[in-house]
Amino acid sequence: MLNDYLPIIILLVLATVLGFLVLIIGALFGPRRPTQRKAAPYESGMIPYGPGTRRISVRYYLVAVLFILFDIETVFFLPWAVVFRQLGWFALIEMLVFIGILLIGFVYVWKKGALEWE
């Protein structure tokens, strides 16, 4: 049983080690010449007005979280589509229930006005 997951575990360990290795090498050998101009916020080549750290509306985070929520749930369609012929009618009914729950959640969020951007 564990042998089936061994390649995934190896991949996760290697990705984690490589990620930390790249960060450490960049911190050790990367150039450090901070200037006032480099520390200024950059926005499409425009001269910034106001501070670079200002308060962002909660609506922004709400829309972002809702996007991630619905986006991640749609990822479940791919494994279902791959094994659809093997599972038959049961899989179709289960996916219709899943899509129905997603649709109810989407309509609820829409009616509450969480997707409105002002």
N, C-alpha and C. Protein backbone atom coordinates (compact mmCIF):
# COMPACT_ATOMS: atom_id res chain seq x y z
N MET A 1 0.83 -1.20 0.00
CA MET A 1 0.00 0.00 0.00
C MET A 1 0.87 1.26 0.00
N LEU A 2 1.88 1.27 0.85
CA LEU A 2 2.75 2.44 0.93
C LEU A 2 3.60 2.59 -0.33
N ASN A 3 3.87 1.49 -1.01
CA ASN A 3 4.67 1.54 -2.23
C ASN A 3 3.98 2.36 -3.33
N ASP A 4 2.64 2.42 -3.31
CA ASP A 4 1.91 3.20 -4.29
C ASP A 4 2.15 4.70 -4.09
N TYR A 5 2.35 5.10 -2.86
CA TYR A 5 2.53 6.52 -2.54
C TYR A 5 3.99 6.95 -2.50
N LEU A 6 4.91 6.02 -2.61
CA LEU A 6 6.33 6.33 -2.51
C LEU A 6 6.80 7.37 -3.54
N PRO A 7 6.42 7.28 -4.81
CA PRO A 7 6.85 8.33 -5.75
C PRO A 7 6.34 9.72 -5.39
N ILE A 8 5.13 9.79 -4.86
CA ILE A 8 4.58 11.09 -4.46
C ILE A 8 5.34 11.65 -3.27
N ILE A 9 5.65 10.79 -2.32
CA ILE A 9 6.41 11.23 -1.14
C ILE A 9 7.80 11.71 -1.56
N ILE A 10 8.45 10.96 -2.45
CA ILE A 10 9.77 11.37 -2.94
C ILE A 10 9.69 12.71 -3.65
N LEU A 11 8.66 12.89 -4.48
CA LEU A 11 8.48 14.16 -5.20
C LEU A 11 8.28 15.32 -4.23
N LEU A 12 7.46 15.13 -3.21
CA LEU A 12 7.23 16.20 -2.22
C LEU A 12 8.50 16.54 -1.45
N VAL A 13 9.25 15.53 -1.06
CA VAL A 13 10.50 15.78 -0.33
C VAL A 13 11.51 16.51 -1.21
N LEU A 14 11.66 16.05 -2.45
CA LEU A 14 12.60 16.72 -3.36
C LEU A 14 12.18 18.16 -3.67
N ALA A 15 10.90 18.38 -3.86
CA ALA A 15 10.42 19.73 -4.15
C ALA A 15 10.65 20.65 -2.95
N THR A 16 10.42 20.15 -1.75
CA THR A 16 10.64 20.96 -0.55
C THR A 16 12.12 21.27 -0.36
N VAL A 17 12.97 20.26 -0.50
CA VAL A 17 14.41 20.47 -0.35
C VAL A 17 14.92 21.43 -1.41
N LEU A 18 14.49 21.26 -2.65
CA LEU A 18 14.93 22.15 -3.72
C LEU A 18 14.46 23.59 -3.49
N GLY A 19 13.25 23.75 -3.02
CA GLY A 19 12.74 25.09 -2.72
C GLY A 19 13.56 25.79 -1.66
N PHE A 20 13.84 25.10 -0.57
CA PHE A 20 14.66 25.69 0.49
C PHE A 20 16.09 25.94 0.01
N LEU A 21 16.61 25.03 -0.79
CA LEU A 21 17.96 25.19 -1.31
C LEU A 21 18.08 26.44 -2.19
N VAL A 22 17.11 26.66 -3.04
CA VAL A 22 17.12 27.86 -3.89
C VAL A 22 17.04 29.13 -3.05
N LEU A 23 16.20 29.14 -2.03
CA LEU A 23 16.09 30.31 -1.15
C LEU A 23 17.38 30.58 -0.40
N ILE A 24 18.01 29.53 0.11
CA ILE A 24 19.25 29.70 0.87
C ILE A 24 20.38 30.18 -0.02
N ILE A 25 20.51 29.59 -1.21
CA ILE A 25 21.57 30.01 -2.13
C ILE A 25 21.35 31.46 -2.57
N GLY A 26 20.12 31.84 -2.82
CA GLY A 26 19.83 33.22 -3.20
C GLY A 26 20.15 34.20 -2.08
N ALA A 27 19.87 33.81 -0.84
CA ALA A 27 20.16 34.69 0.28
C ALA A 27 21.67 34.80 0.54
N LEU A 28 22.39 33.72 0.34
CA LEU A 28 23.83 33.73 0.60
C LEU A 28 24.62 34.44 -0.50
N PHE A 29 24.29 34.16 -1.75
CA PHE A 29 25.12 34.66 -2.85
C PHE A 29 24.48 35.78 -3.67
N GLY A 30 23.26 36.14 -3.37
CA GLY A 30 22.57 37.18 -4.14
C GLY A 30 23.10 38.57 -3.81
N PRO A 31 22.97 39.51 -4.76
CA PRO A 31 23.45 40.87 -4.50
C PRO A 31 22.56 41.58 -3.49
N ARG A 32 23.22 42.42 -2.67
CA ARG A 32 22.49 43.22 -1.68
C ARG A 32 22.93 44.66 -1.82
N ARG A 33 22.26 45.39 -2.66
CA ARG A 33 22.54 46.82 -2.83
C ARG A 33 21.23 47.60 -2.76
N PRO A 34 20.64 47.72 -1.58
CA PRO A 34 19.36 48.42 -1.50
C PRO A 34 19.54 49.93 -1.69
N THR A 35 18.65 50.51 -2.47
CA THR A 35 18.64 51.96 -2.67
C THR A 35 17.22 52.46 -2.43
N GLN A 36 17.08 53.77 -2.33
CA GLN A 36 15.76 54.37 -2.12
C GLN A 36 14.85 54.06 -3.31
N ARG A 37 15.42 54.10 -4.50
CA ARG A 37 14.62 53.86 -5.70
C ARG A 37 14.15 52.39 -5.78
N LYS A 38 15.01 51.45 -5.38
CA LYS A 38 14.63 50.05 -5.41
C LYS A 38 13.56 49.73 -4.36
N ALA A 39 13.56 50.45 -3.26
CA ALA A 39 12.60 50.21 -2.20
C ALA A 39 11.24 50.82 -2.49
N ALA A 40 11.14 51.68 -3.50
CA ALA A 40 9.87 52.33 -3.83
C ALA A 40 8.92 51.32 -4.49
N PRO A 41 7.62 51.42 -4.22
CA PRO A 41 6.67 50.52 -4.87
C PRO A 41 6.61 50.80 -6.38
N TYR A 42 6.44 49.76 -7.16
CA TYR A 42 6.42 49.88 -8.62
C TYR A 42 5.04 49.48 -9.13
N GLU A 43 4.44 50.34 -9.91
CA GLU A 43 3.11 50.08 -10.43
C GLU A 43 3.06 50.48 -11.90
N SER A 44 3.33 49.60 -12.79
CA SER A 44 3.19 49.81 -14.24
C SER A 44 3.98 51.01 -14.74
N GLY A 45 5.10 51.30 -14.14
CA GLY A 45 5.92 52.42 -14.59
C GLY A 45 5.41 53.77 -14.16
N MET A 46 4.33 53.81 -13.40
CA MET A 46 3.76 55.08 -12.94
C MET A 46 4.44 55.50 -11.64
N ILE A 47 4.50 56.78 -11.42
CA ILE A 47 5.03 57.29 -10.16
C ILE A 47 3.98 57.02 -9.08
N PRO A 48 4.38 56.33 -8.01
CA PRO A 48 3.39 55.97 -7.00
C PRO A 48 2.90 57.20 -6.22
N TYR A 49 1.64 57.17 -5.88
CA TYR A 49 1.08 58.21 -5.03
C TYR A 49 0.62 57.55 -3.73
N GLY A 50 0.98 58.09 -2.64
CA GLY A 50 0.62 57.54 -1.35
C GLY A 50 1.56 56.42 -0.93
N PRO A 51 1.33 55.87 0.24
CA PRO A 51 2.21 54.82 0.75
C PRO A 51 2.00 53.50 0.00
N GLY A 52 3.03 52.67 -0.01
CA GLY A 52 2.94 51.38 -0.66
C GLY A 52 2.12 50.38 0.13
N THR A 53 1.97 50.61 1.41
CA THR A 53 1.17 49.73 2.26
C THR A 53 -0.07 50.48 2.70
N ARG A 54 -1.15 50.24 2.02
CA ARG A 54 -2.41 50.86 2.42
C ARG A 54 -3.45 49.78 2.64
N ARG A 55 -4.49 50.14 3.32
CA ARG A 55 -5.53 49.18 3.66
C ARG A 55 -6.29 48.76 2.40
N ILE A 56 -6.55 47.48 2.32
CA ILE A 56 -7.30 46.93 1.20
C ILE A 56 -8.65 46.48 1.73
N SER A 57 -9.67 46.71 0.95
CA SER A 57 -11.03 46.36 1.35
C SER A 57 -11.17 44.86 1.58
N VAL A 58 -12.03 44.50 2.52
CA VAL A 58 -12.30 43.11 2.81
C VAL A 58 -12.95 42.44 1.60
N ARG A 59 -13.66 43.20 0.79
CA ARG A 59 -14.29 42.67 -0.41
C ARG A 59 -13.27 42.02 -1.35
N TYR A 60 -12.09 42.61 -1.42
CA TYR A 60 -11.03 42.05 -2.27
C TYR A 60 -10.70 40.63 -1.82
N TYR A 61 -10.52 40.45 -0.53
CA TYR A 61 -10.18 39.14 0.01
C TYR A 61 -11.35 38.17 -0.14
N LEU A 62 -12.57 38.67 0.02
CA LEU A 62 -13.74 37.82 -0.12
C LEU A 62 -13.86 37.28 -1.54
N VAL A 63 -13.68 38.13 -2.53
CA VAL A 63 -13.73 37.69 -3.92
C VAL A 63 -12.60 36.70 -4.21
N ALA A 64 -11.42 36.97 -3.68
CA ALA A 64 -10.29 36.06 -3.89
C ALA A 64 -10.55 34.69 -3.28
N VAL A 65 -11.07 34.65 -2.07
CA VAL A 65 -11.34 33.37 -1.41
C VAL A 65 -12.45 32.62 -2.15
N LEU A 66 -13.47 33.33 -2.60
CA LEU A 66 -14.55 32.66 -3.34
C LEU A 66 -14.04 32.11 -4.66
N PHE A 67 -13.18 32.86 -5.34
CA PHE A 67 -12.61 32.37 -6.58
C PHE A 67 -11.81 31.09 -6.34
N ILE A 68 -10.97 31.10 -5.32
CA ILE A 68 -10.17 29.91 -5.01
C ILE A 68 -11.07 28.74 -4.65
N LEU A 69 -12.11 29.00 -3.87
CA LEU A 69 -13.03 27.95 -3.45
C LEU A 69 -13.68 27.28 -4.66
N PHE A 70 -14.28 28.07 -5.54
CA PHE A 70 -14.97 27.49 -6.69
C PHE A 70 -13.97 26.92 -7.71
N ASP A 71 -12.80 27.50 -7.81
CA ASP A 71 -11.80 27.02 -8.74
C ASP A 71 -11.27 25.65 -8.30
N ILE A 72 -11.00 25.49 -7.03
CA ILE A 72 -10.48 24.23 -6.53
C ILE A 72 -11.54 23.13 -6.63
N GLU A 73 -12.79 23.48 -6.41
CA GLU A 73 -13.83 22.46 -6.50
C GLU A 73 -14.02 21.97 -7.92
N THR A 74 -13.77 22.81 -8.91
CA THR A 74 -13.91 22.36 -10.29
C THR A 74 -12.76 21.43 -10.70
N VAL A 75 -11.68 21.39 -9.93
CA VAL A 75 -10.57 20.47 -10.22
C VAL A 75 -11.03 19.02 -10.07
N PHE A 76 -12.07 18.79 -9.29
CA PHE A 76 -12.57 17.43 -9.09
C PHE A 76 -13.24 16.86 -10.34
N PHE A 77 -13.49 17.68 -11.34
CA PHE A 77 -14.10 17.17 -12.57
C PHE A 77 -13.14 16.28 -13.36
N LEU A 78 -11.85 16.56 -13.33
CA LEU A 78 -10.89 15.79 -14.13
C LEU A 78 -10.80 14.32 -13.70
N PRO A 79 -10.57 14.01 -12.42
CA PRO A 79 -10.51 12.59 -12.06
C PRO A 79 -11.83 11.88 -12.33
N TRP A 80 -12.93 12.58 -12.16
CA TRP A 80 -14.23 11.99 -12.44
C TRP A 80 -14.36 11.66 -13.92
N ALA A 81 -13.91 12.56 -14.78
CA ALA A 81 -14.01 12.34 -16.22
C ALA A 81 -13.11 11.19 -16.68
N VAL A 82 -11.98 11.01 -16.00
CA VAL A 82 -11.05 9.95 -16.39
C VAL A 82 -11.66 8.57 -16.13
N VAL A 83 -12.34 8.40 -15.02
CA VAL A 83 -12.89 7.08 -14.67
C VAL A 83 -14.41 7.01 -14.85
N PHE A 84 -14.97 7.91 -15.62
CA PHE A 84 -16.43 7.96 -15.77
C PHE A 84 -16.99 6.67 -16.35
N ARG A 85 -16.37 6.13 -17.38
CA ARG A 85 -16.91 4.91 -18.03
C ARG A 85 -16.86 3.71 -17.09
N GLN A 86 -15.90 3.67 -16.20
CA GLN A 86 -15.79 2.54 -15.28
C GLN A 86 -16.84 2.62 -14.18
N LEU A 87 -17.21 3.82 -13.77
CA LEU A 87 -18.13 3.98 -12.65
C LEU A 87 -19.60 3.94 -13.06
N GLY A 88 -19.88 4.35 -14.28
CA GLY A 88 -21.25 4.25 -14.80
C GLY A 88 -22.20 5.29 -14.25
N TRP A 89 -23.46 4.85 -14.10
CA TRP A 89 -24.53 5.78 -13.71
C TRP A 89 -24.34 6.36 -12.31
N PHE A 90 -23.76 5.57 -11.42
CA PHE A 90 -23.54 6.05 -10.06
C PHE A 90 -22.68 7.31 -10.07
N ALA A 91 -21.62 7.31 -10.87
CA ALA A 91 -20.73 8.47 -10.95
C ALA A 91 -21.46 9.67 -11.53
N LEU A 92 -22.31 9.43 -12.52
CA LEU A 92 -23.06 10.54 -13.13
C LEU A 92 -24.00 11.18 -12.11
N ILE A 93 -24.70 10.36 -11.35
CA ILE A 93 -25.63 10.89 -10.35
C ILE A 93 -24.87 11.63 -9.25
N GLU A 94 -23.75 11.07 -8.81
CA GLU A 94 -22.95 11.73 -7.78
C GLU A 94 -22.41 13.07 -8.26
N MET A 95 -21.98 13.12 -9.52
CA MET A 95 -21.45 14.38 -10.05
C MET A 95 -22.57 15.40 -10.21
N LEU A 96 -23.76 14.96 -10.59
CA LEU A 96 -24.89 15.89 -10.67
C LEU A 96 -25.23 16.46 -9.30
N VAL A 97 -25.14 15.64 -8.27
CA VAL A 97 -25.36 16.14 -6.90
C VAL A 97 -24.28 17.15 -6.53
N PHE A 98 -23.03 16.83 -6.86
CA PHE A 98 -21.91 17.74 -6.57
C PHE A 98 -22.09 19.07 -7.30
N ILE A 99 -22.44 19.02 -8.57
CA ILE A 99 -22.66 20.25 -9.34
C ILE A 99 -23.85 21.02 -8.79
N GLY A 100 -24.88 20.30 -8.34
CA GLY A 100 -26.03 20.97 -7.74
C GLY A 100 -25.65 21.72 -6.47
N ILE A 101 -24.84 21.10 -5.63
CA ILE A 101 -24.39 21.77 -4.40
C ILE A 101 -23.54 22.99 -4.75
N LEU A 102 -22.65 22.85 -5.74
CA LEU A 102 -21.85 23.99 -6.19
C LEU A 102 -22.74 25.12 -6.70
N LEU A 103 -23.74 24.76 -7.48
CA LEU A 103 -24.64 25.76 -8.05
C LEU A 103 -25.43 26.47 -6.96
N ILE A 104 -25.88 25.73 -5.97
CA ILE A 104 -26.61 26.35 -4.85
C ILE A 104 -25.70 27.33 -4.11
N GLY A 105 -24.45 26.93 -3.87
CA GLY A 105 -23.51 27.83 -3.21
C GLY A 105 -23.21 29.06 -4.04
N PHE A 106 -23.07 28.87 -5.35
CA PHE A 106 -22.79 30.00 -6.24
C PHE A 106 -23.96 30.97 -6.28
N VAL A 107 -25.18 30.45 -6.38
CA VAL A 107 -26.36 31.33 -6.40
C VAL A 107 -26.49 32.06 -5.07
N TYR A 108 -26.22 31.39 -3.97
CA TYR A 108 -26.28 32.03 -2.65
C TYR A 108 -25.30 33.20 -2.56
N VAL A 109 -24.06 32.95 -3.00
CA VAL A 109 -23.03 34.00 -2.96
C VAL A 109 -23.41 35.15 -3.89
N TRP A 110 -23.97 34.82 -5.03
CA TRP A 110 -24.38 35.84 -6.00
C TRP A 110 -25.51 36.69 -5.44
N LYS A 111 -26.51 36.05 -4.84
CA LYS A 111 -27.65 36.79 -4.27
C LYS A 111 -27.23 37.66 -3.08
N LYS A 112 -26.23 37.21 -2.32
CA LYS A 112 -25.74 38.01 -1.20
C LYS A 112 -24.94 39.22 -1.67
N GLY A 113 -24.55 39.25 -2.94
CA GLY A 113 -23.80 40.38 -3.48
C GLY A 113 -22.31 40.29 -3.24
N ALA A 114 -21.82 39.09 -2.93
CA ALA A 114 -20.39 38.95 -2.65
C ALA A 114 -19.55 39.06 -3.91
N LEU A 115 -20.14 38.90 -5.07
CA LEU A 115 -19.39 38.98 -6.31
C LEU A 115 -19.43 40.38 -6.94
N GLU A 116 -20.14 41.28 -6.32
CA GLU A 116 -20.21 42.67 -6.82
C GLU A 116 -18.95 43.41 -6.48
N TRP A 117 -18.38 44.09 -7.45
CA TRP A 117 -17.17 44.87 -7.24
C TRP A 117 -17.51 46.33 -7.42
N GLU A 118 -17.28 47.12 -6.38
CA GLU A 118 -17.64 48.54 -6.43
C GLU A 118 -16.42 49.41 -6.43
